[in-house]
Amino acid sequence: QVQLVESGGGAVQAGGSLRLSCAASGSTFSFDAMVWYRQAPGKQRELVASINRDGNTNYANSVKGRHTISRDNAKNTVYLQMNSLKPEDTAVYYCNAVEVVADRLYSYWGQGTQVTVSS
């Protein structure tokens, strides 16, 4: 059973930084992609950043240049370094891990961690 455990959320003032971590357990494979999503109150869940097995990254325009995603394949852990935080970054952040096994796609989710940015 794959489990994703997020940590690092909290409350911070605008301009501050936070580092989110997501540790995955229960899989014998290194995930093909690890992704951070966020969902603000009353809004749809949106992709924040993703990183694949080879280290290729993708970012939402709203966070480019401010946030950095990275991963440690040996530890099956993904990080999201968030700098220059803005009130509009306030949301619940979710970790998602994707793996393809025998041509089948498996997607796993963490429980979410709250990030609150005050002005």
N, C-alpha and C. Protein backbone atom coordinates (compact mmCIF):
# COMPACT_ATOMS: atom_id res chain seq x y z
N GLN A 1 0.84 -1.18 0.00
CA GLN A 1 0.00 0.00 0.00
C GLN A 1 0.88 1.24 0.00
N VAL A 2 0.74 2.05 -1.03
CA VAL A 2 1.55 3.26 -1.12
C VAL A 2 0.95 4.34 -0.24
N GLN A 3 1.80 5.00 0.50
CA GLN A 3 1.38 6.13 1.32
C GLN A 3 2.26 7.33 1.04
N LEU A 4 1.65 8.49 0.97
CA LEU A 4 2.37 9.75 0.80
C LEU A 4 2.12 10.60 2.04
N VAL A 5 3.19 11.04 2.65
CA VAL A 5 3.06 11.84 3.86
C VAL A 5 3.71 13.19 3.62
N GLU A 6 2.90 14.23 3.68
CA GLU A 6 3.38 15.59 3.45
C GLU A 6 3.71 16.25 4.78
N SER A 7 4.64 17.18 4.70
CA SER A 7 4.99 17.98 5.88
C SER A 7 5.55 19.31 5.41
N GLY A 8 5.63 20.24 6.34
CA GLY A 8 6.27 21.52 6.04
C GLY A 8 5.32 22.68 5.85
N GLY A 9 4.02 22.42 5.85
CA GLY A 9 3.08 23.52 5.72
C GLY A 9 3.05 24.38 6.97
N GLY A 10 2.37 25.51 6.86
CA GLY A 10 2.26 26.38 8.01
C GLY A 10 1.81 27.77 7.61
N ALA A 11 1.95 28.69 8.52
CA ALA A 11 1.56 30.07 8.30
C ALA A 11 2.81 30.94 8.19
N VAL A 12 2.80 31.83 7.23
CA VAL A 12 3.96 32.68 6.99
C VAL A 12 3.48 34.02 6.45
N GLN A 13 4.27 35.04 6.64
CA GLN A 13 3.93 36.34 6.08
C GLN A 13 4.36 36.43 4.63
N ALA A 14 3.72 37.32 3.91
CA ALA A 14 4.08 37.52 2.51
C ALA A 14 5.57 37.85 2.38
N GLY A 15 6.18 37.23 1.38
CA GLY A 15 7.61 37.40 1.19
C GLY A 15 8.44 36.32 1.84
N GLY A 16 7.81 35.53 2.68
CA GLY A 16 8.51 34.47 3.38
C GLY A 16 8.66 33.21 2.54
N SER A 17 9.21 32.19 3.18
CA SER A 17 9.49 30.92 2.49
C SER A 17 9.00 29.74 3.30
N LEU A 18 8.68 28.69 2.62
CA LEU A 18 8.35 27.41 3.23
C LEU A 18 8.89 26.31 2.33
N ARG A 19 9.20 25.18 2.94
CA ARG A 19 9.64 24.02 2.18
C ARG A 19 8.72 22.85 2.51
N LEU A 20 8.01 22.39 1.52
CA LEU A 20 7.14 21.23 1.69
C LEU A 20 7.91 19.96 1.32
N SER A 21 7.61 18.91 2.04
CA SER A 21 8.19 17.60 1.75
C SER A 21 7.07 16.59 1.60
N CYS A 22 7.32 15.61 0.77
CA CYS A 22 6.36 14.51 0.58
C CYS A 22 7.15 13.22 0.49
N ALA A 23 7.01 12.39 1.50
CA ALA A 23 7.73 11.12 1.54
C ALA A 23 6.78 9.99 1.16
N ALA A 24 7.21 9.19 0.21
CA ALA A 24 6.39 8.08 -0.25
C ALA A 24 6.93 6.77 0.29
N SER A 25 6.03 5.91 0.66
CA SER A 25 6.43 4.59 1.15
C SER A 25 5.51 3.53 0.55
N GLY A 26 5.99 2.30 0.55
CA GLY A 26 5.14 1.19 0.12
C GLY A 26 5.27 0.83 -1.33
N SER A 27 6.14 1.53 -2.06
CA SER A 27 6.33 1.19 -3.46
C SER A 27 7.76 0.72 -3.67
N THR A 28 7.90 -0.31 -4.50
CA THR A 28 9.25 -0.78 -4.79
C THR A 28 9.84 -0.09 -6.01
N PHE A 29 9.06 0.79 -6.62
CA PHE A 29 9.52 1.48 -7.81
C PHE A 29 9.71 2.95 -7.51
N SER A 30 10.65 3.55 -8.20
CA SER A 30 10.77 4.99 -8.16
C SER A 30 9.66 5.56 -9.04
N PHE A 31 8.92 6.50 -8.53
CA PHE A 31 7.77 7.00 -9.25
C PHE A 31 8.15 7.70 -10.55
N ASP A 32 7.32 7.52 -11.54
CA ASP A 32 7.58 8.15 -12.84
C ASP A 32 7.44 9.66 -12.77
N ALA A 33 6.54 10.13 -11.97
CA ALA A 33 6.37 11.57 -11.81
C ALA A 33 5.86 11.86 -10.40
N MET A 34 6.30 12.97 -9.87
CA MET A 34 5.79 13.43 -8.58
C MET A 34 5.37 14.88 -8.77
N VAL A 35 4.22 15.18 -8.22
CA VAL A 35 3.55 16.44 -8.56
C VAL A 35 3.01 17.09 -7.29
N TRP A 36 3.09 18.40 -7.25
CA TRP A 36 2.41 19.17 -6.21
C TRP A 36 1.22 19.88 -6.84
N TYR A 37 0.08 19.73 -6.19
CA TYR A 37 -1.14 20.45 -6.55
C TYR A 37 -1.52 21.33 -5.36
N ARG A 38 -2.40 22.27 -5.60
CA ARG A 38 -2.95 23.05 -4.50
C ARG A 38 -4.42 23.35 -4.79
N GLN A 39 -5.13 23.56 -3.70
CA GLN A 39 -6.54 23.91 -3.82
C GLN A 39 -6.87 24.98 -2.80
N ALA A 40 -7.24 26.13 -3.31
CA ALA A 40 -7.66 27.24 -2.45
C ALA A 40 -9.17 27.13 -2.22
N PRO A 41 -9.66 27.72 -1.15
CA PRO A 41 -11.10 27.67 -0.86
C PRO A 41 -11.93 28.19 -2.04
N GLY A 42 -12.89 27.39 -2.44
CA GLY A 42 -13.78 27.81 -3.51
C GLY A 42 -13.19 27.70 -4.91
N LYS A 43 -12.01 27.14 -5.01
CA LYS A 43 -11.36 27.01 -6.32
C LYS A 43 -11.05 25.56 -6.64
N GLN A 44 -10.80 25.32 -7.91
CA GLN A 44 -10.44 23.96 -8.32
C GLN A 44 -8.99 23.66 -7.97
N ARG A 45 -8.71 22.39 -7.81
CA ARG A 45 -7.34 21.97 -7.58
C ARG A 45 -6.52 22.27 -8.84
N GLU A 46 -5.34 22.81 -8.64
CA GLU A 46 -4.49 23.17 -9.77
C GLU A 46 -3.08 22.64 -9.58
N LEU A 47 -2.44 22.34 -10.70
CA LEU A 47 -1.07 21.86 -10.65
C LEU A 47 -0.14 23.02 -10.33
N VAL A 48 0.77 22.78 -9.42
CA VAL A 48 1.76 23.78 -9.04
C VAL A 48 3.09 23.49 -9.73
N ALA A 49 3.55 22.25 -9.57
CA ALA A 49 4.84 21.88 -10.15
C ALA A 49 4.92 20.37 -10.25
N SER A 50 5.68 19.91 -11.23
CA SER A 50 5.87 18.48 -11.39
C SER A 50 7.33 18.20 -11.74
N ILE A 51 7.72 16.97 -11.45
CA ILE A 51 9.08 16.53 -11.78
C ILE A 51 9.02 15.06 -12.15
N ASN A 52 9.68 14.70 -13.24
CA ASN A 52 9.63 13.30 -13.62
C ASN A 52 10.89 12.56 -13.14
N ARG A 53 10.96 11.32 -13.52
CA ARG A 53 12.05 10.47 -13.05
C ARG A 53 13.42 11.01 -13.45
N ASP A 54 13.46 11.68 -14.61
CA ASP A 54 14.73 12.19 -15.11
C ASP A 54 15.07 13.57 -14.57
N GLY A 55 14.18 14.12 -13.77
CA GLY A 55 14.45 15.43 -13.20
C GLY A 55 13.90 16.59 -14.00
N ASN A 56 13.17 16.30 -15.05
CA ASN A 56 12.55 17.38 -15.83
C ASN A 56 11.39 17.98 -15.04
N THR A 57 11.32 19.29 -15.04
CA THR A 57 10.33 19.97 -14.22
C THR A 57 9.36 20.80 -15.05
N ASN A 58 8.23 21.06 -14.42
CA ASN A 58 7.20 21.89 -15.05
C ASN A 58 6.54 22.69 -13.94
N TYR A 59 6.25 23.97 -14.23
CA TYR A 59 5.68 24.84 -13.21
C TYR A 59 4.47 25.58 -13.74
N ALA A 60 3.54 25.85 -12.85
CA ALA A 60 2.46 26.78 -13.18
C ALA A 60 3.07 28.16 -13.36
N ASN A 61 2.50 28.94 -14.27
CA ASN A 61 3.03 30.28 -14.51
C ASN A 61 3.05 31.13 -13.25
N SER A 62 2.08 30.89 -12.39
CA SER A 62 1.94 31.71 -11.19
C SER A 62 3.07 31.51 -10.19
N VAL A 63 3.81 30.42 -10.31
CA VAL A 63 4.88 30.15 -9.34
C VAL A 63 6.27 30.11 -9.96
N LYS A 64 6.35 30.22 -11.27
CA LYS A 64 7.66 30.18 -11.94
C LYS A 64 8.57 31.27 -11.39
N GLY A 65 9.79 30.87 -11.12
CA GLY A 65 10.77 31.82 -10.60
C GLY A 65 10.71 31.99 -9.09
N ARG A 66 9.67 31.47 -8.46
CA ARG A 66 9.54 31.60 -7.00
C ARG A 66 9.64 30.25 -6.31
N HIS A 67 9.09 29.23 -6.92
CA HIS A 67 9.06 27.91 -6.31
C HIS A 67 9.97 26.96 -7.09
N THR A 68 10.53 25.98 -6.36
CA THR A 68 11.40 25.00 -6.99
C THR A 68 11.03 23.60 -6.50
N ILE A 69 10.80 22.72 -7.45
CA ILE A 69 10.50 21.33 -7.09
C ILE A 69 11.76 20.50 -7.28
N SER A 70 11.96 19.56 -6.39
CA SER A 70 13.10 18.65 -6.51
C SER A 70 12.71 17.30 -5.91
N ARG A 71 13.49 16.30 -6.20
CA ARG A 71 13.17 14.97 -5.67
C ARG A 71 14.44 14.21 -5.36
N ASP A 72 14.28 13.31 -4.42
CA ASP A 72 15.35 12.38 -4.06
C ASP A 72 14.81 11.00 -4.38
N ASN A 73 15.24 10.45 -5.51
CA ASN A 73 14.70 9.16 -5.95
C ASN A 73 15.02 8.03 -4.97
N ALA A 74 16.17 8.10 -4.36
CA ALA A 74 16.56 7.04 -3.43
C ALA A 74 15.63 7.02 -2.22
N LYS A 75 15.11 8.19 -1.88
CA LYS A 75 14.23 8.27 -0.71
C LYS A 75 12.76 8.36 -1.11
N ASN A 76 12.49 8.36 -2.42
CA ASN A 76 11.10 8.54 -2.89
C ASN A 76 10.45 9.74 -2.23
N THR A 77 11.18 10.82 -2.23
CA THR A 77 10.71 12.04 -1.58
C THR A 77 10.77 13.19 -2.57
N VAL A 78 9.75 14.02 -2.55
CA VAL A 78 9.71 15.21 -3.39
C VAL A 78 9.58 16.43 -2.49
N TYR A 79 10.21 17.50 -2.91
CA TYR A 79 10.21 18.74 -2.14
C TYR A 79 9.65 19.88 -2.98
N LEU A 80 9.10 20.84 -2.30
CA LEU A 80 8.69 22.08 -2.96
C LEU A 80 9.20 23.24 -2.13
N GLN A 81 10.23 23.89 -2.62
CA GLN A 81 10.75 25.07 -1.96
C GLN A 81 9.96 26.26 -2.48
N MET A 82 9.30 26.94 -1.57
CA MET A 82 8.44 28.07 -1.95
C MET A 82 9.03 29.35 -1.38
N ASN A 83 9.41 30.24 -2.26
CA ASN A 83 9.98 31.52 -1.86
C ASN A 83 9.09 32.67 -2.31
N SER A 84 9.33 33.82 -1.74
CA SER A 84 8.57 35.03 -2.10
C SER A 84 7.07 34.74 -2.10
N LEU A 85 6.64 34.13 -1.03
CA LEU A 85 5.24 33.71 -0.95
C LEU A 85 4.30 34.90 -0.96
N LYS A 86 3.15 34.67 -1.58
CA LYS A 86 2.12 35.71 -1.71
C LYS A 86 0.83 35.20 -1.06
N PRO A 87 -0.04 36.11 -0.67
CA PRO A 87 -1.32 35.65 -0.10
C PRO A 87 -2.08 34.71 -1.04
N GLU A 88 -1.93 34.92 -2.33
CA GLU A 88 -2.64 34.04 -3.27
C GLU A 88 -2.05 32.64 -3.35
N ASP A 89 -0.94 32.40 -2.67
CA ASP A 89 -0.40 31.04 -2.56
C ASP A 89 -1.11 30.24 -1.47
N THR A 90 -1.95 30.91 -0.70
CA THR A 90 -2.68 30.23 0.37
C THR A 90 -3.57 29.14 -0.21
N ALA A 91 -3.40 27.93 0.29
CA ALA A 91 -4.14 26.78 -0.21
C ALA A 91 -3.74 25.55 0.58
N VAL A 92 -4.47 24.48 0.34
CA VAL A 92 -4.03 23.17 0.80
C VAL A 92 -3.20 22.58 -0.34
N TYR A 93 -1.99 22.16 -0.01
CA TYR A 93 -1.08 21.61 -1.00
C TYR A 93 -1.08 20.08 -0.90
N TYR A 94 -1.24 19.46 -2.04
CA TYR A 94 -1.32 18.00 -2.11
C TYR A 94 -0.17 17.45 -2.93
N CYS A 95 0.35 16.36 -2.46
CA CYS A 95 1.38 15.63 -3.19
C CYS A 95 0.72 14.50 -3.97
N ASN A 96 1.18 14.31 -5.18
CA ASN A 96 0.66 13.24 -6.04
C ASN A 96 1.84 12.50 -6.65
N ALA A 97 1.77 11.19 -6.61
CA ALA A 97 2.83 10.36 -7.20
C ALA A 97 2.21 9.44 -8.24
N VAL A 98 2.88 9.34 -9.36
CA VAL A 98 2.36 8.54 -10.48
C VAL A 98 3.40 7.51 -10.88
N GLU A 99 2.94 6.30 -11.09
CA GLU A 99 3.84 5.28 -11.60
C GLU A 99 3.10 4.43 -12.63
N VAL A 100 3.88 3.96 -13.59
CA VAL A 100 3.35 3.08 -14.63
C VAL A 100 3.95 1.71 -14.40
N VAL A 101 3.10 0.74 -14.15
CA VAL A 101 3.54 -0.63 -13.89
C VAL A 101 2.79 -1.55 -14.84
N ALA A 102 3.54 -2.27 -15.65
CA ALA A 102 2.94 -3.19 -16.63
C ALA A 102 1.86 -2.47 -17.45
N ASP A 103 2.21 -1.29 -17.93
CA ASP A 103 1.34 -0.48 -18.79
C ASP A 103 0.07 0.02 -18.10
N ARG A 104 0.05 -0.04 -16.81
CA ARG A 104 -1.08 0.50 -16.06
C ARG A 104 -0.58 1.68 -15.24
N LEU A 105 -1.40 2.73 -15.21
CA LEU A 105 -1.04 3.94 -14.48
C LEU A 105 -1.67 3.91 -13.10
N TYR A 106 -0.84 4.18 -12.11
CA TYR A 106 -1.29 4.25 -10.73
C TYR A 106 -1.01 5.66 -10.21
N SER A 107 -1.98 6.22 -9.52
CA SER A 107 -1.86 7.58 -8.99
C SER A 107 -2.18 7.56 -7.51
N TYR A 108 -1.33 8.20 -6.73
CA TYR A 108 -1.48 8.20 -5.28
C TYR A 108 -1.48 9.65 -4.78
N TRP A 109 -2.22 9.88 -3.70
CA TRP A 109 -2.36 11.22 -3.15
C TRP A 109 -2.03 11.26 -1.68
N GLY A 110 -1.43 12.37 -1.28
CA GLY A 110 -1.24 12.61 0.14
C GLY A 110 -2.50 13.25 0.73
N GLN A 111 -2.44 13.50 2.03
CA GLN A 111 -3.61 14.01 2.74
C GLN A 111 -3.72 15.53 2.65
N GLY A 112 -2.66 16.18 2.20
CA GLY A 112 -2.68 17.63 2.07
C GLY A 112 -2.06 18.32 3.27
N THR A 113 -1.46 19.46 3.00
CA THR A 113 -0.90 20.28 4.07
C THR A 113 -1.26 21.73 3.79
N GLN A 114 -1.68 22.41 4.84
CA GLN A 114 -2.18 23.78 4.70
C GLN A 114 -1.01 24.77 4.65
N VAL A 115 -1.09 25.67 3.70
CA VAL A 115 -0.16 26.80 3.61
C VAL A 115 -0.99 28.07 3.66
N THR A 116 -0.67 28.93 4.61
CA THR A 116 -1.39 30.18 4.77
C THR A 116 -0.39 31.34 4.72
N VAL A 117 -0.62 32.25 3.79
CA VAL A 117 0.27 33.40 3.63
C VAL A 117 -0.53 34.66 3.94
N SER A 118 -0.07 35.40 4.92
CA SER A 118 -0.77 36.62 5.32
C SER A 118 -0.06 37.84 4.74
N SER A 119 -0.84 38.84 4.48
CA SER A 119 -0.28 40.07 3.88
C SER A 119 0.23 41.03 4.94
